[in-house]
Protein backbone atom coordinates (compact mmCIF):
# COMPACT_ATOMS: atom_id res chain seq x y z
CA UNK A 1 27.50 -11.48 2.04
CA UNK A 2 26.32 -10.32 -1.37
CA UNK A 3 22.76 -11.15 -2.30
CA UNK A 4 22.70 -13.45 -5.32
CA UNK A 5 21.30 -11.74 -8.38
CA UNK A 6 18.49 -13.77 -9.90
CA UNK A 7 17.43 -12.54 -13.31
CA UNK A 8 13.97 -13.64 -14.40
CA UNK A 9 13.49 -15.17 -17.86
CA UNK A 10 11.71 -11.95 -18.85
CA UNK A 11 14.81 -9.90 -17.93
CA UNK A 12 17.05 -12.11 -20.07
CA UNK A 13 14.67 -12.13 -23.04
CA UNK A 14 14.29 -8.35 -22.87
CA UNK A 15 18.07 -7.84 -22.79
CA UNK A 16 18.51 -10.24 -25.74
CA UNK A 17 15.86 -8.29 -27.68
CA UNK A 18 17.45 -4.89 -26.99
CA UNK A 19 20.87 -6.12 -28.07
CA UNK A 20 19.37 -7.65 -31.19
CA UNK A 21 17.73 -4.41 -32.39
CA UNK A 22 20.60 -2.08 -31.50
CA UNK A 23 23.05 -1.16 -34.23
CA UNK A 24 25.89 -0.95 -31.69
CA UNK A 25 25.30 -3.94 -29.40
CA UNK A 26 27.64 -4.59 -26.50
CA UNK A 27 27.77 -6.45 -23.20
CA UNK A 28 27.25 -3.19 -21.33
CA UNK A 29 23.94 -2.71 -23.12
CA UNK A 30 22.83 -6.28 -22.38
CA UNK A 31 23.52 -5.85 -18.68
CA UNK A 32 21.88 -2.42 -18.57
CA UNK A 33 18.70 -3.72 -20.19
CA UNK A 34 18.60 -6.86 -18.02
CA UNK A 35 19.17 -4.96 -14.78
CA UNK A 36 16.67 -2.19 -15.65
CA UNK A 37 14.05 -4.89 -16.26
CA UNK A 38 15.11 -6.74 -13.10
CA UNK A 39 14.88 -3.55 -11.01
CA UNK A 40 11.36 -2.83 -12.23
CA UNK A 41 10.29 -6.34 -11.30
CA UNK A 42 11.57 -5.73 -7.77
CA UNK A 43 9.56 -2.53 -7.31
CA UNK A 44 12.11 0.08 -8.42
CA UNK A 45 11.38 2.66 -11.09
CA UNK A 46 14.90 2.40 -12.48
CA UNK A 47 18.33 0.83 -12.13
CA UNK A 48 21.20 3.03 -10.99
CA UNK A 49 24.59 2.55 -12.64
CA UNK A 50 26.28 3.61 -9.44
CA UNK A 51 24.74 0.66 -7.59
CA UNK A 52 26.98 -1.89 -9.27
CA UNK A 53 26.20 -5.51 -8.34
CA UNK A 54 28.97 -7.17 -6.37
CA UNK A 55 31.02 -9.80 -8.15
CA UNK A 56 29.70 -12.54 -5.88
CA UNK A 57 26.13 -11.61 -6.77
CA UNK A 58 26.91 -11.98 -10.48
CA UNK A 59 28.75 -15.28 -10.21
CA UNK A 60 25.80 -17.51 -11.20
CA UNK A 61 25.23 -15.38 -14.32
CA UNK A 62 28.76 -15.32 -15.68
CA UNK A 63 27.87 -17.85 -18.36
CA UNK A 64 25.36 -15.41 -19.88
CA UNK A 65 27.72 -12.51 -20.69
CA UNK A 66 30.97 -10.96 -19.69
CA UNK A 67 30.53 -9.12 -16.40
CA UNK A 68 29.39 -5.48 -16.57
CA UNK A 69 31.92 -2.64 -16.17
CA UNK A 70 33.37 -2.19 -12.72
CA UNK A 71 32.71 1.55 -12.71
CA UNK A 72 29.69 3.64 -13.64
CA UNK A 73 31.52 6.14 -15.87
CA UNK A 74 32.76 3.55 -18.34
CA UNK A 75 29.36 1.88 -18.31
CA UNK A 76 27.71 5.22 -19.13
CA UNK A 77 30.13 5.87 -21.97
CA UNK A 78 29.30 2.51 -23.53
CA UNK A 79 25.55 3.03 -23.19
CA UNK A 80 25.71 6.49 -24.74
CA UNK A 81 26.97 4.90 -27.97
CA UNK A 82 23.87 2.70 -28.23
CA UNK A 83 20.83 3.87 -30.19
CA UNK A 84 18.36 2.03 -27.93
CA UNK A 85 19.47 4.26 -25.03
CA UNK A 86 18.56 7.93 -25.04
CA UNK A 87 18.42 11.00 -22.83
CA UNK A 88 15.20 11.97 -21.03
CA UNK A 89 12.61 13.22 -23.47
CA UNK A 90 13.60 10.91 -26.30
CA UNK A 91 11.73 7.92 -27.70
CA UNK A 92 14.18 5.11 -27.02
CA UNK A 93 13.41 1.82 -25.20
CA UNK A 94 15.85 2.78 -22.43
CA UNK A 95 16.30 6.22 -20.85
CA UNK A 96 19.54 7.26 -19.11
CA UNK A 97 19.56 10.45 -17.05
CA UNK A 98 22.49 12.51 -15.77
CA UNK A 99 22.26 10.90 -12.32
CA UNK A 100 23.03 7.50 -13.83
CA UNK A 101 19.45 6.22 -13.56
CA UNK A 102 18.58 3.79 -16.34
CA UNK A 103 14.83 3.40 -16.97
CA UNK A 104 12.55 1.36 -19.11
CA UNK A 105 10.91 4.10 -21.16
CA UNK A 106 7.43 3.46 -19.79
CA UNK A 107 8.65 3.83 -16.18
CA UNK A 108 10.41 7.09 -16.99
CA UNK A 109 7.23 8.34 -18.70
CA UNK A 110 5.02 7.42 -15.73
CA UNK A 111 7.38 9.16 -13.34
CA UNK A 112 7.41 12.35 -15.40
CA UNK A 113 3.61 12.33 -15.72
CA UNK A 114 3.17 12.03 -11.96
CA UNK A 115 5.69 14.80 -11.27
CA UNK A 116 4.14 17.10 -13.86
CA UNK A 117 0.62 16.56 -12.51
CA UNK A 118 1.75 17.34 -8.96
CA UNK A 119 3.90 20.35 -9.83
CA UNK A 120 1.08 21.91 -11.84
CA UNK A 121 -1.08 21.87 -8.70
CA UNK A 122 1.26 22.98 -5.91
CA UNK A 123 1.03 26.72 -6.61
CA UNK A 124 -1.09 28.26 -3.81
CA UNK A 125 -4.69 29.08 -4.62
CA UNK A 126 -5.68 32.62 -3.65
CA UNK A 127 -7.98 32.75 -0.63
CA UNK A 128 -9.31 35.50 1.61
CA UNK A 129 -7.33 34.94 4.80
CA UNK A 130 -9.98 36.20 7.23
CA UNK A 131 -12.68 34.15 5.56
CA UNK A 132 -10.38 31.13 5.51
CA UNK A 133 -9.58 31.46 9.21
CA UNK A 134 -13.26 31.83 10.05
CA UNK A 135 -14.12 28.72 8.04
CA UNK A 136 -11.30 26.72 9.62
CA UNK A 137 -12.41 27.87 13.07
CA UNK A 138 -15.84 26.28 12.59
CA UNK A 139 -14.42 22.79 12.08
CA UNK A 140 -11.02 23.09 13.78
CA UNK A 141 -11.57 25.16 16.93
CA UNK A 142 -8.50 26.14 18.99
CA UNK A 143 -6.93 23.20 20.83
CA UNK A 144 -4.83 25.11 23.31
CA UNK A 145 -1.08 25.48 23.02
CA UNK A 146 0.93 23.89 20.26
CA UNK A 147 0.35 23.44 16.55
CA UNK A 148 -2.92 21.84 15.49
CA UNK A 149 -1.64 19.61 12.69
CA UNK A 150 -5.13 18.68 11.55
CA UNK A 151 -5.93 22.36 11.05
CA UNK A 152 -2.59 22.77 9.28
CA UNK A 153 -3.49 19.91 6.93
CA UNK A 154 -6.86 21.51 6.25
CA UNK A 155 -5.29 24.87 5.41
CA UNK A 156 -2.88 23.16 3.02
CA UNK A 157 -5.72 21.33 1.29
CA UNK A 158 -7.83 24.48 0.98
CA UNK A 159 -5.05 26.65 -0.42
CA UNK A 160 -3.47 24.13 -2.83
CA UNK A 161 -4.77 21.83 -5.52
CA UNK A 162 -2.50 19.02 -4.35
CA UNK A 163 -1.86 18.01 -0.76
CA UNK A 164 -0.94 14.95 1.29
CA UNK A 165 -2.08 13.99 4.78
CA UNK A 166 0.12 11.27 6.22
CA UNK A 167 -0.19 9.63 9.59
CA UNK A 168 -0.26 6.36 11.45
CA UNK A 169 -3.38 4.41 12.47
CA UNK A 170 -5.80 6.47 14.53
CA UNK A 171 -4.14 9.80 13.74
CA UNK A 172 -7.36 11.27 12.38
CA UNK A 173 -6.61 11.31 8.65
CA UNK A 174 -10.15 10.44 7.57
CA UNK A 175 -11.80 12.66 10.19
CA UNK A 176 -9.65 15.55 9.01
CA UNK A 177 -10.49 14.78 5.40
CA UNK A 178 -14.24 14.75 6.12
CA UNK A 179 -14.02 18.22 7.66
CA UNK A 180 -11.95 19.45 4.71
CA UNK A 181 -14.59 18.20 2.29
CA UNK A 182 -17.31 19.92 4.33
CA UNK A 183 -15.32 23.16 4.21
CA UNK A 184 -14.85 22.89 0.45
CA UNK A 185 -18.57 22.29 -0.01
CA UNK A 186 -19.44 25.26 2.18
CA UNK A 187 -16.98 27.55 0.44
CA UNK A 188 -18.35 26.56 -2.96
CA UNK A 189 -21.54 28.56 -2.44
CA UNK A 190 -24.30 27.69 -4.90
CA UNK A 191 -21.79 25.97 -7.17
CA UNK A 192 -21.09 22.84 -5.14
CA UNK A 193 -17.94 20.99 -6.26
CA UNK A 194 -18.26 17.35 -7.34
CA UNK A 195 -16.27 15.20 -4.92
CA UNK A 196 -14.98 11.72 -5.77
CA UNK A 197 -13.67 9.25 -3.19
CA UNK A 198 -11.36 6.39 -4.20
CA UNK A 199 -9.09 3.72 -2.74
CA UNK A 200 -6.75 1.14 -4.31
CA UNK A 201 -8.69 -1.97 -3.18
CA UNK A 202 -12.29 -2.90 -2.49
CA UNK A 203 -11.45 -3.52 1.15
CA UNK A 204 -9.88 -0.07 1.52
CA UNK A 205 -12.84 1.49 -0.30
CA UNK A 206 -15.26 -0.13 2.17
CA UNK A 207 -13.27 1.17 5.14
CA UNK A 208 -13.09 4.69 3.68
CA UNK A 209 -16.86 4.67 3.14
CA UNK A 210 -17.47 3.62 6.74
CA UNK A 211 -14.99 6.17 8.10
CA UNK A 212 -16.42 9.07 6.08
CA UNK A 213 -19.98 8.22 7.15
CA UNK A 214 -18.95 8.05 10.82
CA UNK A 215 -16.93 11.28 10.62
CA UNK A 216 -19.75 13.12 8.85
CA UNK A 217 -22.20 11.95 11.50
CA UNK A 218 -20.03 13.43 14.25
CA UNK A 219 -19.88 16.80 12.45
CA UNK A 220 -23.66 17.35 12.63
CA UNK A 221 -23.61 19.19 9.29
CA UNK A 222 -26.51 21.32 8.05
CA UNK A 223 -28.85 19.41 5.75
CA UNK A 224 -27.55 20.87 2.49
CA UNK A 225 -23.93 20.11 3.36
CA UNK A 226 -24.74 16.67 4.74
CA UNK A 227 -26.37 15.72 1.45
CA UNK A 228 -23.45 17.12 -0.53
CA UNK A 229 -20.81 15.16 1.36
CA UNK A 230 -20.25 11.94 -0.62
CA UNK A 231 -20.04 8.49 0.89
CA UNK A 232 -19.82 6.35 -2.24
CA UNK A 233 -16.26 5.10 -2.67
CA UNK A 234 -14.84 3.43 -5.75
CA UNK A 235 -11.71 1.43 -6.34
CA UNK A 236 -9.32 3.34 -8.58
CA UNK A 237 -9.62 0.75 -11.33
CA UNK A 238 -13.42 0.92 -11.32
CA UNK A 239 -13.28 4.73 -11.22
CA UNK A 240 -11.06 4.86 -14.29
CA UNK A 241 -13.09 2.17 -16.07
CA UNK A 242 -11.03 -0.84 -17.14
CA UNK A 243 -11.45 -1.73 -20.81
CA UNK A 244 -11.61 -5.38 -21.84
CA UNK A 245 -8.95 -4.77 -24.50
CA UNK A 246 -6.65 -2.90 -22.10
CA UNK A 247 -6.31 0.64 -20.87
CA UNK A 248 -8.87 2.82 -19.11
CA UNK A 249 -12.02 4.54 -20.32
CA UNK A 250 -11.06 7.74 -18.49
CA UNK A 251 -7.76 9.22 -19.67
CA UNK A 252 -6.32 12.50 -20.94
CA UNK A 253 -8.88 12.52 -23.76
CA UNK A 254 -11.85 11.62 -21.54
CA UNK A 255 -11.38 13.26 -18.17
CA UNK A 256 -13.08 12.25 -14.95
CA UNK A 257 -16.03 14.50 -14.09
CA UNK A 258 -14.83 15.55 -10.64
CA UNK A 259 -13.60 18.74 -9.01
CA UNK A 260 -12.06 17.15 -5.92
CA UNK A 261 -10.46 13.69 -5.70
CA UNK A 262 -9.72 12.13 -2.32
CA UNK A 263 -7.61 8.94 -2.37
CA UNK A 264 -7.14 6.85 0.77
CA UNK A 265 -4.39 4.27 1.42
CA UNK A 266 -2.21 6.07 -1.11
CA UNK A 267 0.90 4.11 -0.09
CA UNK A 268 -0.60 1.13 -1.94
CA UNK A 269 -0.91 3.00 -5.26
CA UNK A 270 1.92 2.14 -7.64
CA UNK A 271 3.61 4.51 -10.08
CA UNK A 272 1.73 3.35 -13.17
CA UNK A 273 -1.71 3.54 -11.58
CA UNK A 274 -1.00 6.94 -10.02
CA UNK A 275 0.10 8.19 -13.42
CA UNK A 276 -3.12 7.02 -15.08
CA UNK A 277 -5.23 8.47 -12.27
CA UNK A 278 -3.66 11.94 -12.34
CA UNK A 279 -3.68 11.97 -16.13
CA UNK A 280 -7.45 11.39 -16.12
CA UNK A 281 -8.15 14.47 -13.96
CA UNK A 282 -8.92 17.93 -15.22
CA UNK A 283 -6.03 20.36 -14.78
CA UNK A 284 -7.97 22.38 -12.21
CA UNK A 285 -9.10 19.36 -10.15
CA UNK A 286 -8.00 19.30 -6.51
CA UNK A 287 -6.22 16.16 -5.23
CA UNK A 288 -5.95 15.06 -1.59
CA UNK A 289 -3.96 11.91 -0.77
CA UNK A 290 -4.31 10.12 2.57
CA UNK A 291 -1.89 7.43 3.72
CA UNK A 292 0.88 6.30 6.01
CA UNK A 293 4.33 7.00 4.59
CA UNK A 294 5.85 4.30 6.82
CA UNK A 295 3.72 1.43 5.53
CA UNK A 296 4.68 -1.06 2.85
CA UNK A 297 4.94 0.42 -0.61
CA UNK A 298 2.87 -0.79 -3.56
CA UNK A 299 3.37 -4.32 -4.87
CA UNK A 300 4.18 -2.99 -8.35
CA UNK A 301 6.98 -0.56 -9.23
CA UNK A 302 7.22 2.73 -7.38
CA UNK A 303 6.82 4.15 -3.89
CA UNK A 304 4.91 7.26 -4.85
CA UNK A 305 3.60 8.36 -1.46
CA UNK A 306 6.99 7.89 0.23
CA UNK A 307 8.74 9.79 -2.57
CA UNK A 308 6.27 12.67 -2.31
CA UNK A 309 6.64 12.86 1.46
CA UNK A 310 10.44 12.60 1.32
CA UNK A 311 10.61 15.38 -1.28
CA UNK A 312 8.81 17.80 1.03
CA UNK A 313 11.97 19.61 2.14
CA UNK A 314 13.21 20.15 -1.41
CA UNK A 315 9.93 20.90 -3.15
CA UNK A 316 6.88 22.97 -2.32
CA UNK A 317 4.65 19.91 -2.04
CA UNK A 318 2.12 20.42 0.81
CA UNK A 319 2.59 17.43 3.10
CA UNK A 320 1.27 17.27 6.65
CA UNK A 321 2.41 14.46 8.95
CA UNK A 322 -0.13 13.86 11.73
CA UNK A 323 1.68 12.62 14.83
CA UNK A 324 -0.97 12.32 17.54
CA UNK A 325 -2.76 8.98 17.80
CA UNK A 326 -6.37 9.05 18.97
CA UNK A 327 -6.54 5.26 18.96
CA UNK A 328 -3.49 4.47 21.07
CA UNK A 329 -2.96 6.26 24.36
CA UNK A 330 0.27 7.09 26.14
CA UNK A 331 0.32 3.59 27.65
CA UNK A 332 0.03 1.77 24.34
CA UNK A 333 2.70 -0.83 23.68
CA UNK A 334 1.55 -1.10 20.06
CA UNK A 335 2.30 2.60 19.50
CA UNK A 336 5.64 2.39 21.33
CA UNK A 337 6.72 -0.67 19.36
CA UNK A 338 5.66 0.94 16.08
CA UNK A 339 7.81 4.00 16.83
CA UNK A 340 10.88 1.90 17.64
CA UNK A 341 10.45 -0.13 14.47
CA UNK A 342 10.08 3.04 12.38
CA UNK A 343 13.26 4.49 13.86
CA UNK A 344 15.21 1.30 13.10
CA UNK A 345 15.93 0.66 16.79
CA UNK A 346 16.03 -3.14 16.74
CA UNK A 347 17.65 -3.41 20.19
CA UNK A 348 15.07 -1.10 21.73
CA UNK A 349 12.17 -2.94 20.07
CA UNK A 350 13.45 -6.32 21.27
CA UNK A 351 14.01 -4.99 24.78
CA UNK A 352 10.49 -3.58 24.85
CA UNK A 353 9.01 -6.95 23.89
CA UNK A 354 11.17 -8.78 26.44
CA UNK A 355 10.27 -6.36 29.23
CA UNK A 356 6.64 -7.41 29.53
CA UNK A 357 5.91 -3.75 30.28
CA UNK A 358 2.85 -3.55 28.05
CA UNK A 359 0.04 -6.12 28.06
CA UNK A 360 -0.93 -5.31 24.44
CA UNK A 361 2.37 -6.54 22.94
CA UNK A 362 3.64 -10.08 23.43
CA UNK A 363 6.70 -11.97 22.21
CA UNK A 364 7.12 -15.70 21.93
CA UNK A 365 10.06 -17.68 20.64
CA UNK A 366 8.93 -19.38 17.43
CA UNK A 367 7.97 -23.00 18.25
CA UNK A 368 10.11 -25.45 16.31
CA UNK A 369 8.88 -28.24 14.05
CA UNK A 370 5.67 -30.01 15.04
CA UNK A 371 5.40 -27.83 18.16
CA UNK A 372 4.27 -24.99 15.87
CA UNK A 373 1.13 -26.93 14.94
CA UNK A 374 0.09 -27.42 18.56
CA UNK A 375 0.83 -23.85 19.56
CA UNK A 376 -1.02 -22.44 16.55
CA UNK A 377 -4.01 -24.71 17.16
CA UNK A 378 -4.38 -23.37 20.69
CA UNK A 379 -3.97 -19.76 19.53
CA UNK A 380 -6.54 -19.93 16.72
CA UNK A 381 -9.11 -21.82 18.80
CA UNK A 382 -8.93 -18.96 21.27
CA UNK A 383 -8.72 -16.19 18.67
CA UNK A 384 -11.56 -17.48 16.48
CA UNK A 385 -13.74 -18.81 19.34
CA UNK A 386 -16.52 -16.25 18.85
CA UNK A 387 -16.24 -16.26 15.07
CA UNK A 388 -16.88 -19.99 14.67
CA UNK A 389 -20.03 -19.66 16.80
CA UNK A 390 -21.59 -17.07 14.48
CA UNK A 391 -25.15 -17.97 13.52
CA UNK A 392 -25.47 -15.87 10.36
CA UNK A 393 -23.22 -14.47 7.61
CA UNK A 394 -23.68 -10.95 8.93
CA UNK A 395 -22.66 -12.02 12.42
CA UNK A 396 -19.66 -13.93 11.04
CA UNK A 397 -18.47 -10.92 9.03
CA UNK A 398 -18.88 -8.67 12.07
CA UNK A 399 -16.77 -11.01 14.21
CA UNK A 400 -14.14 -11.92 11.61
CA UNK A 401 -11.92 -8.90 12.15
CA UNK A 402 -11.61 -9.46 15.89
CA UNK A 403 -8.60 -11.73 15.25
CA UNK A 404 -6.28 -12.60 12.39
CA UNK A 405 -3.06 -14.53 11.79
CA UNK A 406 -0.47 -12.71 9.65
CA UNK A 407 2.73 -13.89 7.99
CA UNK A 408 5.25 -12.20 5.67
CA UNK A 409 5.35 -15.28 3.40
CA UNK A 410 3.03 -17.36 1.24
CA UNK A 411 5.05 -20.59 1.18
CA UNK A 412 7.05 -22.58 3.71
CA UNK A 413 6.21 -23.81 7.22
CA UNK A 414 5.29 -20.30 8.44
CA UNK A 415 3.71 -19.13 5.17
CA UNK A 416 -0.02 -18.47 4.88
CA UNK A 417 -0.67 -21.51 2.69
CA UNK A 418 0.46 -23.84 5.47
CA UNK A 419 -0.96 -21.68 8.25
CA UNK A 420 -4.40 -21.67 6.66
CA UNK A 421 -4.27 -25.45 6.41
CA UNK A 422 -3.28 -25.71 10.08
CA UNK A 423 -6.01 -23.26 11.12
CA UNK A 424 -8.63 -25.27 9.23
CA UNK A 425 -7.46 -28.50 10.87
CA UNK A 426 -7.47 -26.95 14.33
CA UNK A 427 -10.93 -25.40 14.03
CA UNK A 428 -12.71 -28.11 12.06
CA UNK A 429 -10.74 -31.40 12.17
CA UNK A 430 -13.64 -33.41 10.72
CA UNK A 431 -13.48 -31.45 7.46
CA UNK A 432 -9.77 -30.65 7.32
CA UNK A 433 -9.40 -32.18 3.85
CA UNK A 434 -12.60 -31.19 2.06
CA UNK A 435 -14.56 -28.07 1.12
CA UNK A 436 -17.36 -28.62 3.62
CA UNK A 437 -17.37 -27.33 7.17
CA UNK A 438 -19.26 -26.91 10.40
CA UNK A 439 -18.93 -23.11 10.36
CA UNK A 440 -18.60 -20.31 7.82
CA UNK A 441 -15.04 -20.13 6.52
CA UNK A 442 -13.43 -16.78 5.66
CA UNK A 443 -12.57 -16.37 1.98
CA UNK A 444 -10.47 -13.66 0.30
CA UNK A 445 -10.73 -12.73 -3.37
CA UNK A 446 -7.32 -12.71 -5.12
CA UNK A 447 -8.46 -11.59 -8.57
CA UNK A 448 -10.76 -8.92 -10.02
CA UNK A 449 -14.22 -9.24 -11.53
CA UNK A 450 -15.51 -5.83 -12.56
CA UNK A 451 -18.95 -7.12 -13.56
CA UNK A 452 -19.52 -8.55 -10.07
CA UNK A 453 -17.83 -5.59 -8.40
CA UNK A 454 -15.36 -7.86 -6.59
CA UNK A 455 -11.69 -6.99 -6.26
CA UNK A 456 -8.43 -8.38 -5.00
CA UNK A 457 -8.57 -8.30 -1.19
CA UNK A 458 -12.36 -8.40 -0.76
CA UNK A 459 -13.24 -10.80 2.06
CA UNK A 460 -16.41 -12.81 2.62
CA UNK A 461 -17.64 -15.90 4.43
CA UNK A 462 -18.70 -19.22 2.89
CA UNK A 463 -22.01 -20.94 3.61
CA UNK A 464 -23.08 -24.44 2.56
CA UNK A 465 -26.39 -25.49 1.06
CA UNK A 466 -27.83 -28.21 -1.16
CA UNK A 467 -27.15 -25.91 -4.12
CA UNK A 468 -23.46 -25.66 -3.27
CA UNK A 469 -21.29 -23.04 -1.66
CA UNK A 470 -22.27 -19.37 -1.43
CA UNK A 471 -20.00 -16.52 -0.36
CA UNK A 472 -21.42 -13.51 1.49
CA UNK A 473 -19.85 -10.07 1.28
CA UNK A 474 -20.54 -6.80 3.06
CA UNK A 475 -21.74 -3.91 0.91
CA UNK A 476 -20.46 -0.36 1.53
CA UNK A 477 -23.89 0.60 2.91
CA UNK A 478 -23.63 -2.14 5.55
CA UNK A 479 -25.94 -4.59 3.82
CA UNK A 480 -24.98 -8.05 2.58
CA UNK A 481 -24.94 -9.71 -0.81
CA UNK A 482 -24.26 -13.33 -1.71
CA UNK A 483 -22.73 -14.88 -4.81
CA UNK A 484 -22.27 -18.52 -5.80
CA UNK A 485 -18.71 -19.74 -5.35
CA UNK A 486 -18.84 -20.93 -8.97
CA UNK A 487 -19.12 -17.35 -10.24
CA UNK A 488 -16.31 -15.86 -8.15
CA UNK A 489 -12.84 -14.85 -9.31
CA UNK A 490 -9.92 -16.78 -7.72
CA UNK A 491 -9.60 -16.72 -3.95
CA UNK A 492 -8.02 -18.32 -0.89
CA UNK A 493 -8.87 -19.21 2.69
CA UNK A 494 -8.43 -16.17 4.92
CA UNK A 495 -7.77 -17.44 8.45
CA UNK A 496 -4.18 -16.30 7.80
CA UNK A 497 -3.15 -13.44 5.51
CA UNK A 498 0.14 -12.16 4.19
CA UNK A 499 1.06 -8.78 5.66
CA UNK A 500 0.72 -7.30 2.16
CA UNK A 501 -2.87 -8.54 1.93
CA UNK A 502 -3.65 -7.11 5.37
CA UNK A 503 -2.92 -3.52 4.29
CA UNK A 504 -5.99 -1.35 4.58
CA UNK A 505 -7.44 -3.58 7.33
CA UNK A 506 -7.63 -3.47 11.11
CA UNK A 507 -8.06 -6.39 13.49
CA UNK A 508 -8.76 -6.45 17.20
CA UNK A 509 -5.94 -8.92 17.88
CA UNK A 510 -3.13 -10.00 15.59
CA UNK A 511 -0.84 -13.02 15.72
CA UNK A 512 2.23 -12.34 13.55
CA UNK A 513 4.32 -15.42 12.75
CA UNK A 514 7.80 -14.72 11.38
CA UNK A 515 9.97 -17.27 9.54
CA UNK A 516 12.90 -18.88 11.33
CA UNK A 517 15.34 -17.70 8.64
CA UNK A 518 16.00 -14.23 7.16
CA UNK A 519 14.10 -13.45 3.96
CA UNK A 520 14.26 -10.74 1.30
CA UNK A 521 10.61 -10.02 2.06
CA UNK A 522 11.28 -8.98 5.65
CA UNK A 523 11.77 -5.28 6.26
CA UNK A 524 11.14 -2.48 8.72
CA UNK A 525 8.10 -1.37 6.72
CA UNK A 526 6.61 -4.87 6.75
CA UNK A 527 6.93 -5.20 10.53
CA UNK A 528 5.46 -1.74 11.10
CA UNK A 529 2.53 -2.54 8.82
CA UNK A 530 1.88 -5.83 10.62
CA UNK A 531 2.10 -4.38 14.12
CA UNK A 532 -0.19 -1.45 13.33
CA UNK A 533 -2.95 -3.73 11.94
CA UNK A 534 -3.77 -4.53 15.61
CA UNK A 535 -6.16 -2.35 17.61
CA UNK A 536 -5.88 -4.01 21.01
CA UNK A 537 -3.07 -6.62 20.96
CA UNK A 538 -0.21 -7.86 18.80
CA UNK A 539 1.53 -11.16 19.54
CA UNK A 540 4.72 -11.94 17.62
CA UNK A 541 6.28 -15.39 17.23
CA UNK A 542 9.80 -15.41 15.87
CA UNK A 543 13.50 -15.51 16.56
CA UNK A 544 15.42 -12.53 17.85
CA UNK A 545 17.86 -12.67 14.93
CA UNK A 546 15.17 -12.54 12.27
CA UNK A 547 13.17 -9.87 14.11
CA UNK A 548 16.16 -7.58 14.57
CA UNK A 549 17.41 -8.06 11.01
CA UNK A 550 13.98 -7.16 9.66
CA UNK A 551 13.96 -3.86 11.58
CA UNK A 552 17.46 -3.03 10.39
CA UNK A 553 16.53 -3.69 6.75
CA UNK A 554 14.76 -0.72 5.24
CA UNK A 555 13.02 -0.96 1.89
CA UNK A 556 14.54 1.58 -0.48
CA UNK A 557 13.05 1.91 -3.93
CA UNK A 558 15.15 3.57 -6.61
CA UNK A 559 13.37 6.38 -8.37
CA UNK A 560 13.86 9.88 -9.72
CA UNK A 561 10.51 11.22 -8.53
CA UNK A 562 11.98 13.21 -5.64
CA UNK A 563 14.40 14.96 -8.01
CA UNK A 564 11.61 15.60 -10.51
CA UNK A 565 9.40 17.16 -7.82
CA UNK A 566 12.23 19.41 -6.65
CA UNK A 567 12.58 20.81 -10.15
CA UNK A 568 15.81 19.01 -10.96
CA UNK A 569 16.26 18.21 -14.64
CA UNK A 570 17.93 14.79 -14.98
């Protein structure tokens, strides 16, 4: 069955505007503009003429315009007569390349900027091989037979100004990166390079800080290198410096003062932000991206990390995929389930859950109706038992990540809005309908406040006093700070999180609650992301139909970045 095409008001207004300013307006142009805008809103960089919407999908929109052409060639011919559509390199609102990709100009420009910044850095940097091998041997000693992928990743990073280290949870990405940074510091001699660490969210920045500090501690570096290895981590927006009137303080005219940039959780970085970040670097700056190519892509348009990794075979982009997990052993059901989900094996994944073979993965048929409330109440009372007994904000924050409820959706019976309400009622029935409570409630920031240094995804706990509510947050150095609730940017209760909001986090145990009906949000990448948030146990409530359909539905984002990285001229 064709998915109904739902154009947003913005898509329709944009298409009306383009037709109005074009000297050769036509229905083909209106549809091209509307669908290019629509595609961008759904996370794609472009709309492809060869992906024609099915007639059934267009049925609700037939009153707007005549239907678009039934074949791409005639559509292209019509667009080529319009002066608001141009070839790549022009200055028209819409850009049409030879592959039939139709872009909003800004998306095409971002894509080209990212490709150009990467291609300018992939040429190998000359290095003395014996000296390089000796240096690598100090931090990556021989591991026996087989290829040491961490050492391979280090060699790539040392001999190129752009490299990617991809891998699942516990594969050693941050530990590898810490050793790479130590090598780069040591090889710099008296001229120590300036290293900058960044992540897309405050939560991811905090985790990167903690991971780098732990990894550096295990390395037992000499004093001069230990002091040179950075631990301060910034969000990308704070690093670039957001201006109140728009744009960033650091850009092509005011470059960032760094020699090496390490970015963690790169799968969460959208095309526009990656473009601004790379543009703000000096041409000789070295870039190292860490991330998991199988996780959910960014919320905004683009899937930059996935495109870079998928272009590896066609371009000379140094990408290393770490495959060994140091967190999950050979008997890990979480690891086994993650692999089956990644491979699209819905039957195998369902069979694994049904088998009861692994104690760290559990399946339960989604309770129907009011039964969900009772089942959830029992689960959260058990999961949050230690958390609600915390005697201080620091203790509460330390215990909070031992358990979390996740859902793909915000609204509906199984969405986080309802689940948070049910969790609150189950844990504190006396204060189910007010802002007070008998324990410290988890609270997640959903906006940004650069003056307070609080960002979307930061999580704290709420305390009550005669002066009102105060929210406590963990600092990167492990200390705590508290801010009045009245000063905070927008936020929500955080007993239950959407899977998107959980990216960059880890929890001891996870309860994933799927909807009882298929949804456009559900995908293989979403399930993989949810399952791999758990360190010790994942429990999934759902229906077999929805679970299997989610695994079989892969998120594919249209883009031309892979072609651009392979040197193809569209």
